[in-house]
Amino acid sequence: MRHTTDQTSLRTAAVAAAAASILVSSAMVHGQAYPQRPVRIVVNVTAGGGVDMTARAVAQHLNGVYKQPFVVDNRTGAGGSIGIELVAKANPDGYTFLICSSGIVTNAAYRKQNYDPVRDFQPVSNLTSTPYIVAVTPTFPAKSIKELVALAKAKPGTVTFATSGVGSITHLGAALLPLLTETNMLSVPFKGVADAYPAVANGDVNWIIGAAISALPLVKAGRLRAIAITTPRRSGMLPDLPTVAESVPGYEVVGWFGMFAPAGTPKALVDKVSAETKRALERPEFQRMVEAQGAEVIGSTPEELARVVKAEVEIWQKVVRNLNAKP
């Protein structure tokens, strides 16, 4: 039977991944120290932001544990896709990891990427989560999610929501609400949240989903009114603010930072790094840093992050199909 070039390439890649897994696993079993050389942690955004700060804190902890440098490598461009693709194609030998936001899923749902968030990566650990807040113009008549949905049903096509760009988490997360409630609300895209927030504060657009750290100062200043939080459970930061899910079952929008390895990285090694990463998250200084970002420490097993990624791929693809959105 003849084999096509693609079939041969796939078989070669599978053999190479299996060989790498056997070599690394064998080294661990026989007590050979891992790592034997510096390990790269790719971050797909510029230095100084939340993802980068989180990656550097994790790297610092792993440096101390493994006595080898875990080096943060910022690879930016193409909306974060360049760094993600780099890790997707890297050798699955335990010497390359990725720390990125949940954009790894939303970007792939909205436009075709040169990577598949499920097929091309081995999850290591969910690191932190960022709650989002549904905020409205202070004079907007709806004071709850139920009232917002009722208004949208009474006046189809008149209720508007601001987004920080088509295909962003603020766009897809907001668009999930009319999808689940079978209402017609209009999306108004802006270049970023710096433009979107003033539009809602001034009453040009009715509502927005914004990260807690950026929305709360405007809420406290009276420029926006918070009506719900997007997490599945109420947040300890805002215990009196109801969740969207209390009115719309099944609604959940949570931004997160996760750690991944290339698909085929040996499970024993991934589990080992995952356990050490979880210990990094438990350090008081790490938790203080995360709280300052308006986020919450998560920590997870590889399997738990894998379930999150798979579930979000399905829901965001459904939202994009419903929007009929084009890049």
Protein backbone atom coordinates (compact mmCIF):
# COMPACT_ATOMS: atom_id res chain seq x y z
CA MET A 1 0.00 0.00 0.00
CA ARG A 2 1.38 3.45 -0.90
CA HIS A 3 1.67 6.20 1.67
CA THR A 4 1.22 9.88 0.84
CA THR A 5 3.84 12.46 1.81
CA ASP A 6 1.49 13.81 4.51
CA GLN A 7 1.01 10.34 5.98
CA THR A 8 4.76 9.77 6.04
CA SER A 9 5.34 13.15 7.71
CA LEU A 10 2.71 12.45 10.33
CA ARG A 11 4.19 9.02 11.05
CA THR A 12 7.69 10.54 11.33
CA ALA A 13 6.46 13.24 13.72
CA ALA A 14 4.69 10.63 15.86
CA VAL A 15 7.82 8.49 16.06
CA ALA A 16 9.96 11.52 17.00
CA ALA A 17 7.53 12.55 19.75
CA ALA A 18 7.42 9.02 21.11
CA ALA A 19 11.21 8.83 21.10
CA ALA A 20 11.49 12.15 22.98
CA SER A 21 8.96 10.92 25.52
CA ILE A 22 10.87 7.68 26.09
CA LEU A 23 14.23 9.45 26.44
CA VAL A 24 13.01 12.06 28.94
CA SER A 25 10.90 9.60 30.92
CA SER A 26 13.83 7.15 31.06
CA ALA A 27 16.14 9.87 32.36
CA MET A 28 13.65 10.74 35.11
CA VAL A 29 13.18 7.11 36.08
CA HIS A 30 16.91 6.50 36.38
CA GLY A 31 17.40 9.55 38.56
CA GLN A 32 19.07 11.77 35.97
CA ALA A 33 18.39 15.36 36.91
CA TYR A 34 15.98 17.42 34.85
CA PRO A 35 16.73 19.83 33.38
CA GLN A 36 20.25 19.38 32.03
CA ARG A 37 20.27 22.82 30.36
CA PRO A 38 18.30 26.10 30.42
CA VAL A 39 14.55 25.91 29.83
CA ARG A 40 12.70 28.51 27.79
CA ILE A 41 9.32 29.93 28.82
CA VAL A 42 7.84 31.73 25.81
CA VAL A 43 5.53 34.65 26.57
CA ASN A 44 3.56 35.90 23.58
CA VAL A 45 3.21 39.52 24.75
CA THR A 46 5.60 42.34 25.59
CA ALA A 47 7.40 42.61 28.90
CA GLY A 48 5.74 44.37 31.81
CA GLY A 49 2.13 43.22 31.53
CA GLY A 50 0.21 40.71 33.63
CA VAL A 51 1.15 37.65 31.58
CA ASP A 52 4.83 38.60 31.57
CA MET A 53 4.90 39.34 35.32
CA THR A 54 3.21 36.02 36.05
CA ALA A 55 5.65 34.12 33.83
CA ARG A 56 8.67 35.74 35.48
CA ALA A 57 7.39 34.89 38.97
CA VAL A 58 6.86 31.25 37.95
CA ALA A 59 10.28 31.15 36.27
CA GLN A 60 11.96 32.53 39.38
CA HIS A 61 10.48 29.76 41.50
CA LEU A 62 11.44 27.03 39.02
CA ASN A 63 14.98 28.43 38.83
CA GLY A 64 15.38 27.82 42.54
CA VAL A 65 13.88 24.34 42.43
CA TYR A 66 15.70 22.92 39.42
CA LYS A 67 19.02 24.81 39.68
CA GLN A 68 18.88 25.58 35.96
CA PRO A 69 17.72 28.85 34.38
CA PHE A 70 14.09 29.04 33.30
CA VAL A 71 14.37 31.95 30.87
CA VAL A 72 11.38 34.09 29.86
CA ASP A 73 11.44 34.74 26.10
CA ASN A 74 9.00 37.44 24.92
CA ARG A 75 7.94 36.61 21.35
CA THR A 76 5.34 39.14 20.25
CA GLY A 77 3.46 39.90 17.06
CA ALA A 78 0.35 38.94 15.10
CA GLY A 79 -1.90 39.48 18.10
CA GLY A 80 0.12 37.04 20.18
CA SER A 81 0.05 34.25 17.60
CA ILE A 82 3.79 34.27 16.83
CA GLY A 83 4.81 33.14 20.31
CA ILE A 84 2.03 30.56 20.45
CA GLU A 85 2.97 29.07 17.06
CA LEU A 86 6.62 28.92 18.11
CA VAL A 87 5.78 26.63 21.03
CA ALA A 88 3.31 24.57 18.98
CA LYS A 89 6.19 23.65 16.64
CA ALA A 90 8.86 23.24 19.32
CA ASN A 91 10.52 19.95 20.21
CA PRO A 92 8.42 18.27 22.95
CA ASP A 93 11.43 17.53 25.12
CA GLY A 94 10.54 19.57 28.20
CA TYR A 95 12.78 22.52 27.34
CA THR A 96 10.11 24.82 25.90
CA PHE A 97 6.96 26.05 27.62
CA LEU A 98 4.37 28.72 26.90
CA ILE A 99 2.62 31.06 29.31
CA CYS A 100 -0.20 33.00 27.70
CA SER A 101 -3.72 34.30 28.23
CA SER A 102 -7.01 32.68 27.23
CA GLY A 103 -6.54 34.48 23.91
CA ILE A 104 -4.95 31.21 22.76
CA VAL A 105 -8.56 29.96 22.54
CA THR A 106 -10.53 33.06 21.52
CA ASN A 107 -8.07 33.95 18.74
CA ALA A 108 -8.35 30.45 17.28
CA ALA A 109 -12.15 30.56 17.49
CA TYR A 110 -12.38 33.84 15.62
CA ARG A 111 -9.81 33.39 12.86
CA LYS A 112 -7.83 30.48 11.42
CA GLN A 113 -4.46 30.13 13.13
CA ASN A 114 -1.38 28.05 12.40
CA TYR A 115 -2.03 26.15 15.61
CA ASP A 116 -4.84 24.23 17.24
CA PRO A 117 -5.26 24.99 20.97
CA VAL A 118 -6.34 21.41 21.70
CA ARG A 119 -4.26 19.33 19.28
CA ASP A 120 -0.93 21.16 19.42
CA PHE A 121 -0.44 21.69 23.16
CA GLN A 122 -0.07 19.74 26.37
CA PRO A 123 -1.62 21.80 29.21
CA VAL A 124 0.56 22.16 32.31
CA SER A 125 -1.38 24.36 34.73
CA ASN A 126 -4.00 27.10 34.89
CA LEU A 127 -2.29 29.93 36.76
CA THR A 128 -4.67 32.81 37.42
CA SER A 129 -8.14 33.96 36.46
CA THR A 130 -9.49 37.44 35.81
CA PRO A 131 -13.15 38.22 36.52
CA TYR A 132 -15.00 40.53 34.18
CA ILE A 133 -17.72 42.96 35.16
CA VAL A 134 -20.86 43.90 33.25
CA ALA A 135 -21.07 47.67 33.58
CA VAL A 136 -23.64 50.07 32.17
CA THR A 137 -24.04 53.80 31.64
CA PRO A 138 -25.01 55.27 35.05
CA THR A 139 -28.31 56.60 33.60
CA PHE A 140 -29.16 53.34 31.80
CA PRO A 141 -32.58 52.13 33.03
CA ALA A 142 -31.56 48.47 33.46
CA LYS A 143 -30.16 47.87 36.94
CA SER A 144 -29.70 44.09 36.64
CA ILE A 145 -29.07 41.43 34.02
CA LYS A 146 -32.76 40.47 34.09
CA GLU A 147 -33.75 44.06 33.36
CA LEU A 148 -31.10 44.34 30.62
CA VAL A 149 -32.42 41.20 28.91
CA ALA A 150 -36.03 42.35 29.30
CA LEU A 151 -35.19 45.68 27.69
CA ALA A 152 -33.45 43.94 24.80
CA LYS A 153 -36.50 41.74 24.23
CA ALA A 154 -38.86 44.69 24.37
CA LYS A 155 -36.78 46.76 21.95
CA PRO A 156 -34.83 44.40 19.68
CA GLY A 157 -31.74 45.87 18.07
CA THR A 158 -31.64 49.00 20.22
CA VAL A 159 -29.50 47.87 23.17
CA THR A 160 -25.79 48.30 22.41
CA PHE A 161 -22.58 46.95 23.93
CA ALA A 162 -19.02 48.24 23.49
CA THR A 163 -16.07 45.96 22.74
CA SER A 164 -12.30 46.43 22.60
CA GLY A 165 -12.18 44.99 19.09
CA VAL A 166 -13.88 42.32 17.01
CA GLY A 167 -12.93 38.83 18.17
CA SER A 168 -11.62 39.99 21.56
CA ILE A 169 -12.78 38.43 24.82
CA THR A 170 -14.86 41.55 25.50
CA HIS A 171 -16.58 41.09 22.15
CA LEU A 172 -17.19 37.35 22.30
CA GLY A 173 -18.00 37.43 26.03
CA ALA A 174 -20.58 40.16 25.52
CA ALA A 175 -22.00 38.44 22.44
CA LEU A 176 -22.55 35.29 24.50
CA LEU A 177 -25.30 37.07 26.48
CA PRO A 178 -27.68 37.71 23.55
CA LEU A 179 -26.90 34.23 22.24
CA LEU A 180 -28.00 32.55 25.47
CA THR A 181 -30.99 34.84 25.98
CA GLU A 182 -32.11 34.81 22.32
CA THR A 183 -32.10 38.58 22.12
CA ASN A 184 -30.84 41.03 19.52
CA MET A 185 -28.18 43.43 20.86
CA LEU A 186 -25.77 45.45 18.75
CA SER A 187 -21.99 45.31 19.05
CA VAL A 188 -20.04 48.57 18.80
CA PRO A 189 -16.30 47.86 18.32
CA PHE A 190 -13.54 50.21 19.48
CA LYS A 191 -9.76 50.06 19.08
CA GLY A 192 -9.33 49.23 22.77
CA VAL A 193 -10.85 49.60 26.23
CA ALA A 194 -9.35 53.10 26.53
CA ASP A 195 -11.84 54.18 23.84
CA ALA A 196 -14.68 51.86 24.82
CA TYR A 197 -15.05 52.86 28.48
CA PRO A 198 -15.62 56.59 27.80
CA ALA A 199 -18.26 55.73 25.20
CA VAL A 200 -20.24 53.78 27.81
CA ALA A 201 -19.61 56.36 30.54
CA ASN A 202 -20.92 59.12 28.26
CA GLY A 203 -23.99 57.12 27.26
CA ASP A 204 -23.02 56.66 23.60
CA VAL A 205 -23.14 52.87 24.15
CA ASN A 206 -25.24 51.10 26.80
CA TRP A 207 -22.97 48.47 28.37
CA ILE A 208 -19.62 46.74 28.34
CA ILE A 209 -17.78 43.75 29.78
CA GLY A 210 -14.50 44.88 31.30
CA ALA A 211 -11.76 43.29 33.37
CA ALA A 212 -12.29 44.02 37.06
CA ILE A 213 -8.96 45.81 37.45
CA SER A 214 -9.81 48.35 34.72
CA ALA A 215 -13.58 48.65 35.27
CA LEU A 216 -13.68 48.98 39.06
CA PRO A 217 -11.97 52.40 39.27
CA LEU A 218 -14.59 53.79 36.89
CA VAL A 219 -17.37 52.14 38.91
CA LYS A 220 -16.04 53.60 42.16
CA ALA A 221 -15.79 57.03 40.51
CA GLY A 222 -19.45 56.82 39.48
CA ARG A 223 -18.68 56.87 35.76
CA LEU A 224 -20.01 53.32 35.28
CA ARG A 225 -22.52 51.19 37.20
CA ALA A 226 -21.69 47.53 37.78
CA ILE A 227 -24.65 45.17 37.51
CA ALA A 228 -23.03 41.70 37.46
CA ILE A 229 -19.82 39.71 37.46
CA THR A 230 -19.09 37.10 34.79
CA THR A 231 -17.55 34.37 36.95
CA PRO A 232 -19.58 31.21 37.69
CA ARG A 233 -19.61 32.09 41.40
CA ARG A 234 -19.60 35.41 43.22
CA SER A 235 -16.15 36.84 43.74
CA GLY A 236 -14.57 37.46 47.12
CA MET A 237 -13.51 40.85 45.76
CA LEU A 238 -17.15 41.85 45.16
CA PRO A 239 -19.33 39.51 47.24
CA ASP A 240 -22.48 41.60 46.85
CA LEU A 241 -22.32 41.73 43.06
CA PRO A 242 -24.49 38.97 41.52
CA THR A 243 -23.19 36.74 38.75
CA VAL A 244 -24.64 36.84 35.27
CA ALA A 245 -25.31 33.10 35.66
CA GLU A 246 -27.78 33.80 38.48
CA SER A 247 -30.06 35.25 35.80
CA VAL A 248 -28.73 33.46 32.71
CA PRO A 249 -27.76 29.85 33.54
CA GLY A 250 -24.70 28.65 31.68
CA TYR A 251 -23.15 32.07 31.23
CA GLU A 252 -19.48 32.25 32.20
CA VAL A 253 -16.66 34.47 30.98
CA VAL A 254 -13.33 34.27 32.75
CA GLY A 255 -9.99 35.47 31.47
CA TRP A 256 -7.08 33.27 32.52
CA PHE A 257 -3.34 32.79 32.22
CA GLY A 258 -2.20 29.24 31.53
CA MET A 259 1.02 27.29 31.06
CA PHE A 260 1.45 24.87 28.17
CA ALA A 261 4.04 22.58 26.62
CA PRO A 262 4.16 21.31 23.03
CA ALA A 263 1.96 18.28 22.41
CA GLY A 264 3.89 15.07 22.99
CA THR A 265 5.89 16.35 25.96
CA PRO A 266 6.27 13.39 28.36
CA LYS A 267 3.45 13.23 30.91
CA ALA A 268 5.76 12.44 33.83
CA LEU A 269 7.73 15.60 33.14
CA VAL A 270 4.61 17.72 32.65
CA ASP A 271 3.14 16.47 35.93
CA LYS A 272 6.42 17.27 37.72
CA VAL A 273 6.58 20.85 36.38
CA SER A 274 2.86 21.32 37.02
CA ALA A 275 3.26 20.36 40.69
CA GLU A 276 6.18 22.76 41.13
CA THR A 277 4.29 25.53 39.35
CA LYS A 278 1.39 25.06 41.76
CA ARG A 279 3.84 25.55 44.64
CA ALA A 280 4.96 28.82 43.03
CA LEU A 281 1.34 30.02 43.00
CA GLU A 282 1.04 29.33 46.72
CA ARG A 283 3.84 31.72 47.64
CA PRO A 284 2.51 34.82 49.48
CA GLU A 285 4.45 37.23 47.25
CA PHE A 286 2.92 35.64 44.14
CA GLN A 287 -0.58 35.93 45.56
CA ARG A 288 -0.03 39.59 46.44
CA MET A 289 1.14 40.30 42.89
CA VAL A 290 -1.92 38.59 41.41
CA GLU A 291 -4.34 40.42 43.71
CA ALA A 292 -2.76 43.73 42.66
CA GLN A 293 -3.68 42.79 39.07
CA GLY A 294 -7.33 42.32 40.07
CA ALA A 295 -7.00 38.59 39.45
CA GLU A 296 -7.25 35.40 41.49
CA VAL A 297 -4.79 32.52 41.88
CA ILE A 298 -6.09 29.26 40.40
CA GLY A 299 -3.55 26.48 40.02
CA SER A 300 -4.70 23.27 38.39
CA THR A 301 -3.68 19.87 37.14
CA PRO A 302 -2.88 19.45 33.43
CA GLU A 303 -6.15 17.56 33.03
CA GLU A 304 -8.20 20.38 34.55
CA LEU A 305 -6.71 22.97 32.19
CA ALA A 306 -7.27 20.61 29.25
CA ARG A 307 -10.98 20.49 30.10
CA VAL A 308 -11.15 24.29 30.29
CA VAL A 309 -9.52 24.70 26.88
CA LYS A 310 -11.75 22.11 25.21
CA ALA A 311 -14.93 23.61 26.68
CA GLU A 312 -13.98 27.15 25.68
CA VAL A 313 -13.07 26.14 22.13
CA GLU A 314 -16.60 24.77 21.73
CA ILE A 315 -18.43 27.75 23.25
CA TRP A 316 -16.44 30.47 21.44
CA GLN A 317 -16.73 28.71 18.10
CA LYS A 318 -20.49 28.60 18.67
CA VAL A 319 -20.55 32.34 19.45
CA VAL A 320 -18.53 33.15 16.32
CA ARG A 321 -20.85 31.05 14.15
CA ASN A 322 -23.86 32.81 15.64
CA LEU A 323 -22.30 36.21 14.96
CA ASN A 324 -21.26 35.18 11.47
CA ALA A 325 -18.21 37.29 12.29
CA LYS A 326 -15.39 37.57 9.76
CA PRO A 327 -11.78 38.57 10.50
